[in-house]
Amino acid sequence: MKVTNYISEAFNELKTNVTWPEWSEVQRLTIIVAVFSIIFALLTFGVDRGFEVIVEKLYAFLNS
């Protein structure tokens, strides 16, 4: 009984006490997060690729 009461109260609080953003704001913020996620992923890829090249050249130098 406690679990159903908890779930019921949680849904009631979500309906009455939570201020939900407008749909246009949700879309705008989602686009911002997606763009920054892509930029961060590309930056991470670039740094990783750069270290890979540096390590390959270092090993080639040490092996020659």
PDB file of N, CA and C in Angstrom:
ATOM      1  N   MET A   1       0.820  -1.190   0.000  1.00  0.00           N
ATOM      2  CA  MET A   1       0.000   0.000   0.000  1.00  0.00           C
ATOM      3  C   MET A   1       0.868   1.259   0.000  1.00  0.00           C
ATOM      4  N   LYS A   2       2.010   1.221   0.673  1.00  0.00           N
ATOM      5  CA  LYS A   2       2.881   2.387   0.735  1.00  0.00           C
ATOM      6  C   LYS A   2       3.436   2.744  -0.640  1.00  0.00           C
ATOM      7  N   VAL A   3       3.740   1.724  -1.430  1.00  0.00           N
ATOM      8  CA  VAL A   3       4.316   1.973  -2.754  1.00  0.00           C
ATOM      9  C   VAL A   3       3.301   2.669  -3.651  1.00  0.00           C
ATOM     10  N   THR A   4       2.073   2.186  -3.669  1.00  0.00           N
ATOM     11  CA  THR A   4       1.057   2.816  -4.520  1.00  0.00           C
ATOM     12  C   THR A   4       0.759   4.233  -4.047  1.00  0.00           C
ATOM     13  N   ASN A   5       0.764   4.443  -2.740  1.00  0.00           N
ATOM     14  CA  ASN A   5       0.551   5.786  -2.200  1.00  0.00           C
ATOM     15  C   ASN A   5       1.690   6.714  -2.610  1.00  0.00           C
ATOM     16  N   TYR A   6       2.920   6.220  -2.546  1.00  0.00           N
ATOM     17  CA  TYR A   6       4.089   7.009  -2.944  1.00  0.00           C
ATOM     18  C   TYR A   6       4.006   7.394  -4.418  1.00  0.00           C
ATOM     19  N   ILE A   7       3.680   6.427  -5.277  1.00  0.00           N
ATOM     20  CA  ILE A   7       3.579   6.689  -6.711  1.00  0.00           C
ATOM     21  C   ILE A   7       2.460   7.691  -6.990  1.00  0.00           C
ATOM     22  N   SER A   8       1.341   7.525  -6.331  1.00  0.00           N
ATOM     23  CA  SER A   8       0.220   8.450  -6.509  1.00  0.00           C
ATOM     24  C   SER A   8       0.608   9.866  -6.094  1.00  0.00           C
ATOM     25  N   GLU A   9       1.275  10.013  -4.968  1.00  0.00           N
ATOM     26  CA  GLU A   9       1.707  11.329  -4.513  1.00  0.00           C
ATOM     27  C   GLU A   9       2.753  11.928  -5.447  1.00  0.00           C
ATOM     28  N   ALA A  10       3.637  11.093  -5.971  1.00  0.00           N
ATOM     29  CA  ALA A  10       4.660  11.587  -6.894  1.00  0.00           C
ATOM     30  C   ALA A  10       4.015  12.137  -8.161  1.00  0.00           C
ATOM     31  N   PHE A  11       3.068  11.406  -8.737  1.00  0.00           N
ATOM     32  CA  PHE A  11       2.376  11.891  -9.929  1.00  0.00           C
ATOM     33  C   PHE A  11       1.590  13.164  -9.632  1.00  0.00           C
ATOM     34  N   ASN A  12       0.965  13.220  -8.485  1.00  0.00           N
ATOM     35  CA  ASN A  12       0.217  14.413  -8.104  1.00  0.00           C
ATOM     36  C   ASN A  12       1.152  15.621  -7.986  1.00  0.00           C
ATOM     37  N   GLU A  13       2.305  15.422  -7.411  1.00  0.00           N
ATOM     38  CA  GLU A  13       3.264  16.519  -7.285  1.00  0.00           C
ATOM     39  C   GLU A  13       3.768  16.961  -8.650  1.00  0.00           C
ATOM     40  N   LEU A  14       4.008  16.004  -9.554  1.00  0.00           N
ATOM     41  CA  LEU A  14       4.441  16.362 -10.907  1.00  0.00           C
ATOM     42  C   LEU A  14       3.385  17.182 -11.638  1.00  0.00           C
ATOM     43  N   LYS A  15       2.119  16.890 -11.382  1.00  0.00           N
ATOM     44  CA  LYS A  15       1.036  17.622 -12.044  1.00  0.00           C
ATOM     45  C   LYS A  15       0.839  19.014 -11.459  1.00  0.00           C
ATOM     46  N   THR A  16       0.982  19.141 -10.145  1.00  0.00           N
ATOM     47  CA  THR A  16       0.588  20.394  -9.499  1.00  0.00           C
ATOM     48  C   THR A  16       1.750  21.307  -9.113  1.00  0.00           C
ATOM     49  N   ASN A  17       2.888  20.768  -8.721  1.00  0.00           N
ATOM     50  CA  ASN A  17       3.955  21.585  -8.155  1.00  0.00           C
ATOM     51  C   ASN A  17       5.131  21.840  -9.086  1.00  0.00           C
ATOM     52  N   VAL A  18       5.246  21.098 -10.160  1.00  0.00           N
ATOM     53  CA  VAL A  18       6.384  21.247 -11.052  1.00  0.00           C
ATOM     54  C   VAL A  18       6.024  22.254 -12.142  1.00  0.00           C
ATOM     55  N   THR A  19       6.941  23.177 -12.396  1.00  0.00           N
ATOM     56  CA  THR A  19       6.763  24.126 -13.495  1.00  0.00           C
ATOM     57  C   THR A  19       7.482  23.577 -14.714  1.00  0.00           C
ATOM     58  N   TRP A  20       6.729  23.204 -15.711  1.00  0.00           N
ATOM     59  CA  TRP A  20       7.299  22.617 -16.915  1.00  0.00           C
ATOM     60  C   TRP A  20       7.608  23.717 -17.927  1.00  0.00           C
ATOM     61  N   PRO A  21       8.729  23.606 -18.651  1.00  0.00           N
ATOM     62  CA  PRO A  21       9.057  24.624 -19.646  1.00  0.00           C
ATOM     63  C   PRO A  21       8.139  24.519 -20.865  1.00  0.00           C
ATOM     64  N   GLU A  22       8.089  25.613 -21.610  1.00  0.00           N
ATOM     65  CA  GLU A  22       7.316  25.609 -22.853  1.00  0.00           C
ATOM     66  C   GLU A  22       7.982  24.692 -23.867  1.00  0.00           C
ATOM     67  N   TRP A  23       7.188  24.172 -24.805  1.00  0.00           N
ATOM     68  CA  TRP A  23       7.701  23.226 -25.799  1.00  0.00           C
ATOM     69  C   TRP A  23       8.798  23.867 -26.651  1.00  0.00           C
ATOM     70  N   SER A  24       8.654  25.142 -26.996  1.00  0.00           N
ATOM     71  CA  SER A  24       9.668  25.817 -27.808  1.00  0.00           C
ATOM     72  C   SER A  24      10.998  25.915 -27.055  1.00  0.00           C
ATOM     73  N   GLU A  25      10.929  26.132 -25.744  1.00  0.00           N
ATOM     74  CA  GLU A  25      12.157  26.196 -24.950  1.00  0.00           C
ATOM     75  C   GLU A  25      12.821  24.821 -24.866  1.00  0.00           C
ATOM     76  N   VAL A  26      12.017  23.787 -24.745  1.00  0.00           N
ATOM     77  CA  VAL A  26      12.560  22.421 -24.718  1.00  0.00           C
ATOM     78  C   VAL A  26      13.280  22.118 -26.022  1.00  0.00           C
ATOM     79  N   GLN A  27      12.674  22.482 -27.146  1.00  0.00           N
ATOM     80  CA  GLN A  27      13.296  22.247 -28.451  1.00  0.00           C
ATOM     81  C   GLN A  27      14.602  23.030 -28.580  1.00  0.00           C
ATOM     82  N   ARG A  28      14.576  24.296 -28.177  1.00  0.00           N
ATOM     83  CA  ARG A  28      15.774  25.139 -28.280  1.00  0.00           C
ATOM     84  C   ARG A  28      16.919  24.576 -27.427  1.00  0.00           C
ATOM     85  N   LEU A  29      16.612  24.195 -26.205  1.00  0.00           N
ATOM     86  CA  LEU A  29      17.650  23.660 -25.320  1.00  0.00           C
ATOM     87  C   LEU A  29      18.155  22.301 -25.796  1.00  0.00           C
ATOM     88  N   THR A  30      17.267  21.501 -26.387  1.00  0.00           N
ATOM     89  CA  THR A  30      17.688  20.209 -26.924  1.00  0.00           C
ATOM     90  C   THR A  30      18.669  20.392 -28.077  1.00  0.00           C
ATOM     91  N   ILE A  31      18.401  21.363 -28.926  1.00  0.00           N
ATOM     92  CA  ILE A  31      19.309  21.639 -30.049  1.00  0.00           C
ATOM     93  C   ILE A  31      20.651  22.129 -29.532  1.00  0.00           C
ATOM     94  N   ILE A  32      20.637  23.004 -28.524  1.00  0.00           N
ATOM     95  CA  ILE A  32      21.893  23.497 -27.951  1.00  0.00           C
ATOM     96  C   ILE A  32      22.711  22.344 -27.373  1.00  0.00           C
ATOM     97  N   VAL A  33      22.068  21.466 -26.629  1.00  0.00           N
ATOM     98  CA  VAL A  33      22.777  20.321 -26.030  1.00  0.00           C
ATOM     99  C   VAL A  33      23.321  19.402 -27.121  1.00  0.00           C
ATOM    100  N   ALA A  34      22.537  19.162 -28.171  1.00  0.00           N
ATOM    101  CA  ALA A  34      22.992  18.288 -29.259  1.00  0.00           C
ATOM    102  C   ALA A  34      24.205  18.886 -29.965  1.00  0.00           C
ATOM    103  N   VAL A  35      24.160  20.188 -30.251  1.00  0.00           N
ATOM    104  CA  VAL A  35      25.282  20.832 -30.949  1.00  0.00           C
ATOM    105  C   VAL A  35      26.543  20.786 -30.098  1.00  0.00           C
ATOM    106  N   PHE A  36      26.443  21.132 -28.823  1.00  0.00           N
ATOM    107  CA  PHE A  36      27.626  21.094 -27.963  1.00  0.00           C
ATOM    108  C   PHE A  36      28.129  19.669 -27.752  1.00  0.00           C
ATOM    109  N   SER A  37      27.231  18.685 -27.750  1.00  0.00           N
ATOM    110  CA  SER A  37      27.656  17.292 -27.631  1.00  0.00           C
ATOM    111  C   SER A  37      28.461  16.870 -28.853  1.00  0.00           C
ATOM    112  N   ILE A  38      28.001  17.276 -30.022  1.00  0.00           N
ATOM    113  CA  ILE A  38      28.719  16.944 -31.255  1.00  0.00           C
ATOM    114  C   ILE A  38      30.075  17.642 -31.275  1.00  0.00           C
ATOM    115  N   ILE A  39      30.110  18.912 -30.899  1.00  0.00           N
ATOM    116  CA  ILE A  39      31.385  19.650 -30.864  1.00  0.00           C
ATOM    117  C   ILE A  39      32.346  18.992 -29.875  1.00  0.00           C
ATOM    118  N   PHE A  40      31.847  18.634 -28.700  1.00  0.00           N
ATOM    119  CA  PHE A  40      32.704  17.992 -27.697  1.00  0.00           C
ATOM    120  C   PHE A  40      33.211  16.640 -28.195  1.00  0.00           C
ATOM    121  N   ALA A  41      32.352  15.876 -28.867  1.00  0.00           N
ATOM    122  CA  ALA A  41      32.772  14.579 -29.406  1.00  0.00           C
ATOM    123  C   ALA A  41      33.851  14.754 -30.471  1.00  0.00           C
ATOM    124  N   LEU A  42      33.685  15.748 -31.339  1.00  0.00           N
ATOM    125  CA  LEU A  42      34.692  15.995 -32.374  1.00  0.00           C
ATOM    126  C   LEU A  42      36.011  16.467 -31.763  1.00  0.00           C
ATOM    127  N   LEU A  43      35.939  17.316 -30.741  1.00  0.00           N
ATOM    128  CA  LEU A  43      37.156  17.750 -30.060  1.00  0.00           C
ATOM    129  C   LEU A  43      37.870  16.565 -29.399  1.00  0.00           C
ATOM    130  N   THR A  44      37.110  15.724 -28.741  1.00  0.00           N
ATOM    131  CA  THR A  44      37.687  14.540 -28.100  1.00  0.00           C
ATOM    132  C   THR A  44      38.326  13.627 -29.142  1.00  0.00           C
ATOM    133  N   PHE A  45      37.643  13.435 -30.272  1.00  0.00           N
ATOM    134  CA  PHE A  45      38.196  12.626 -31.353  1.00  0.00           C
ATOM    135  C   PHE A  45      39.498  13.231 -31.865  1.00  0.00           C
ATOM    136  N   GLY A  46      39.516  14.559 -32.054  1.00  0.00           N
ATOM    137  CA  GLY A  46      40.719  15.223 -32.558  1.00  0.00           C
ATOM    138  C   GLY A  46      41.902  15.083 -31.617  1.00  0.00           C
ATOM    139  N   VAL A  47      41.662  15.276 -30.332  1.00  0.00           N
ATOM    140  CA  VAL A  47      42.747  15.136 -29.353  1.00  0.00           C
ATOM    141  C   VAL A  47      43.238  13.693 -29.313  1.00  0.00           C
ATOM    142  N   ASP A  48      42.310  12.745 -29.340  1.00  0.00           N
ATOM    143  CA  ASP A  48      42.680  11.333 -29.322  1.00  0.00           C
ATOM    144  C   ASP A  48      43.493  10.971 -30.560  1.00  0.00           C
ATOM    145  N   ARG A  49      43.043  11.444 -31.713  1.00  0.00           N
ATOM    146  CA  ARG A  49      43.759  11.161 -32.963  1.00  0.00           C
ATOM    147  C   ARG A  49      45.143  11.807 -32.941  1.00  0.00           C
ATOM    148  N   GLY A  50      45.227  13.016 -32.391  1.00  0.00           N
ATOM    149  CA  GLY A  50      46.523  13.690 -32.285  1.00  0.00           C
ATOM    150  C   GLY A  50      47.495  12.917 -31.407  1.00  0.00           C
ATOM    151  N   PHE A  51      47.032  12.441 -30.267  1.00  0.00           N
ATOM    152  CA  PHE A  51      47.895  11.627 -29.413  1.00  0.00           C
ATOM    153  C   PHE A  51      48.293  10.330 -30.092  1.00  0.00           C
ATOM    154  N   GLU A  52      47.386   9.742 -30.858  1.00  0.00           N
ATOM    155  CA  GLU A  52      47.694   8.512 -31.579  1.00  0.00           C
ATOM    156  C   GLU A  52      48.837   8.746 -32.572  1.00  0.00           C
ATOM    157  N   VAL A  53      48.764   9.836 -33.306  1.00  0.00           N
ATOM    158  CA  VAL A  53      49.812  10.157 -34.279  1.00  0.00           C
ATOM    159  C   VAL A  53      51.136  10.419 -33.571  1.00  0.00           C
ATOM    160  N   ILE A  54      51.101  11.148 -32.485  1.00  0.00           N
ATOM    161  CA  ILE A  54      52.329  11.451 -31.737  1.00  0.00           C
ATOM    162  C   ILE A  54      52.963  10.173 -31.204  1.00  0.00           C
ATOM    163  N   VAL A  55      52.164   9.279 -30.654  1.00  0.00           N
ATOM    164  CA  VAL A  55      52.695   8.026 -30.110  1.00  0.00           C
ATOM    165  C   VAL A  55      53.252   7.154 -31.232  1.00  0.00           C
ATOM    166  N   GLU A  56      52.570   7.089 -32.369  1.00  0.00           N
ATOM    167  CA  GLU A  56      53.084   6.314 -33.516  1.00  0.00           C
ATOM    168  C   GLU A  56      54.426   6.848 -33.968  1.00  0.00           C
ATOM    169  N   LYS A  57      54.576   8.158 -34.077  1.00  0.00           N
ATOM    170  CA  LYS A  57      55.841   8.756 -34.497  1.00  0.00           C
ATOM    171  C   LYS A  57      56.927   8.520 -33.465  1.00  0.00           C
ATOM    172  N   LEU A  58      56.571   8.574 -32.187  1.00  0.00           N
ATOM    173  CA  LEU A  58      57.538   8.321 -31.129  1.00  0.00           C
ATOM    174  C   LEU A  58      58.034   6.876 -31.200  1.00  0.00           C
ATOM    175  N   TYR A  59      57.127   5.922 -31.364  1.00  0.00           N
ATOM    176  CA  TYR A  59      57.540   4.521 -31.480  1.00  0.00           C
ATOM    177  C   TYR A  59      58.361   4.279 -32.736  1.00  0.00           C
ATOM    178  N   ALA A  60      57.998   4.898 -33.828  1.00  0.00           N
ATOM    179  CA  ALA A  60      58.777   4.761 -35.069  1.00  0.00           C
ATOM    180  C   ALA A  60      60.170   5.328 -34.879  1.00  0.00           C
ATOM    181  N   PHE A  61      60.279   6.462 -34.188  1.00  0.00           N
ATOM    182  CA  PHE A  61      61.591   7.071 -33.918  1.00  0.00           C
ATOM    183  C   PHE A  61      62.436   6.174 -33.031  1.00  0.00           C
ATOM    184  N   LEU A  62      61.807   5.595 -31.992  1.00  0.00           N
ATOM    185  CA  LEU A  62      62.556   4.748 -31.058  1.00  0.00           C
ATOM    186  C   LEU A  62      62.947   3.411 -31.677  1.00  0.00           C
ATOM    187  N   ASN A  63      62.178   2.921 -32.638  1.00  0.00           N
ATOM    188  CA  ASN A  63      62.473   1.644 -33.277  1.00  0.00           C
ATOM    189  C   ASN A  63      63.510   1.776 -34.397  1.00  0.00           C
ATOM    190  N   SER A  64      63.771   2.958 -34.871  1.00  0.00           N
ATOM    191  CA  SER A  64      64.713   3.091 -35.978  1.00  0.00           C
ATOM    192  C   SER A  64      66.125   3.273 -35.530  1.00  0.00           C
TER     193      SER A  64
END
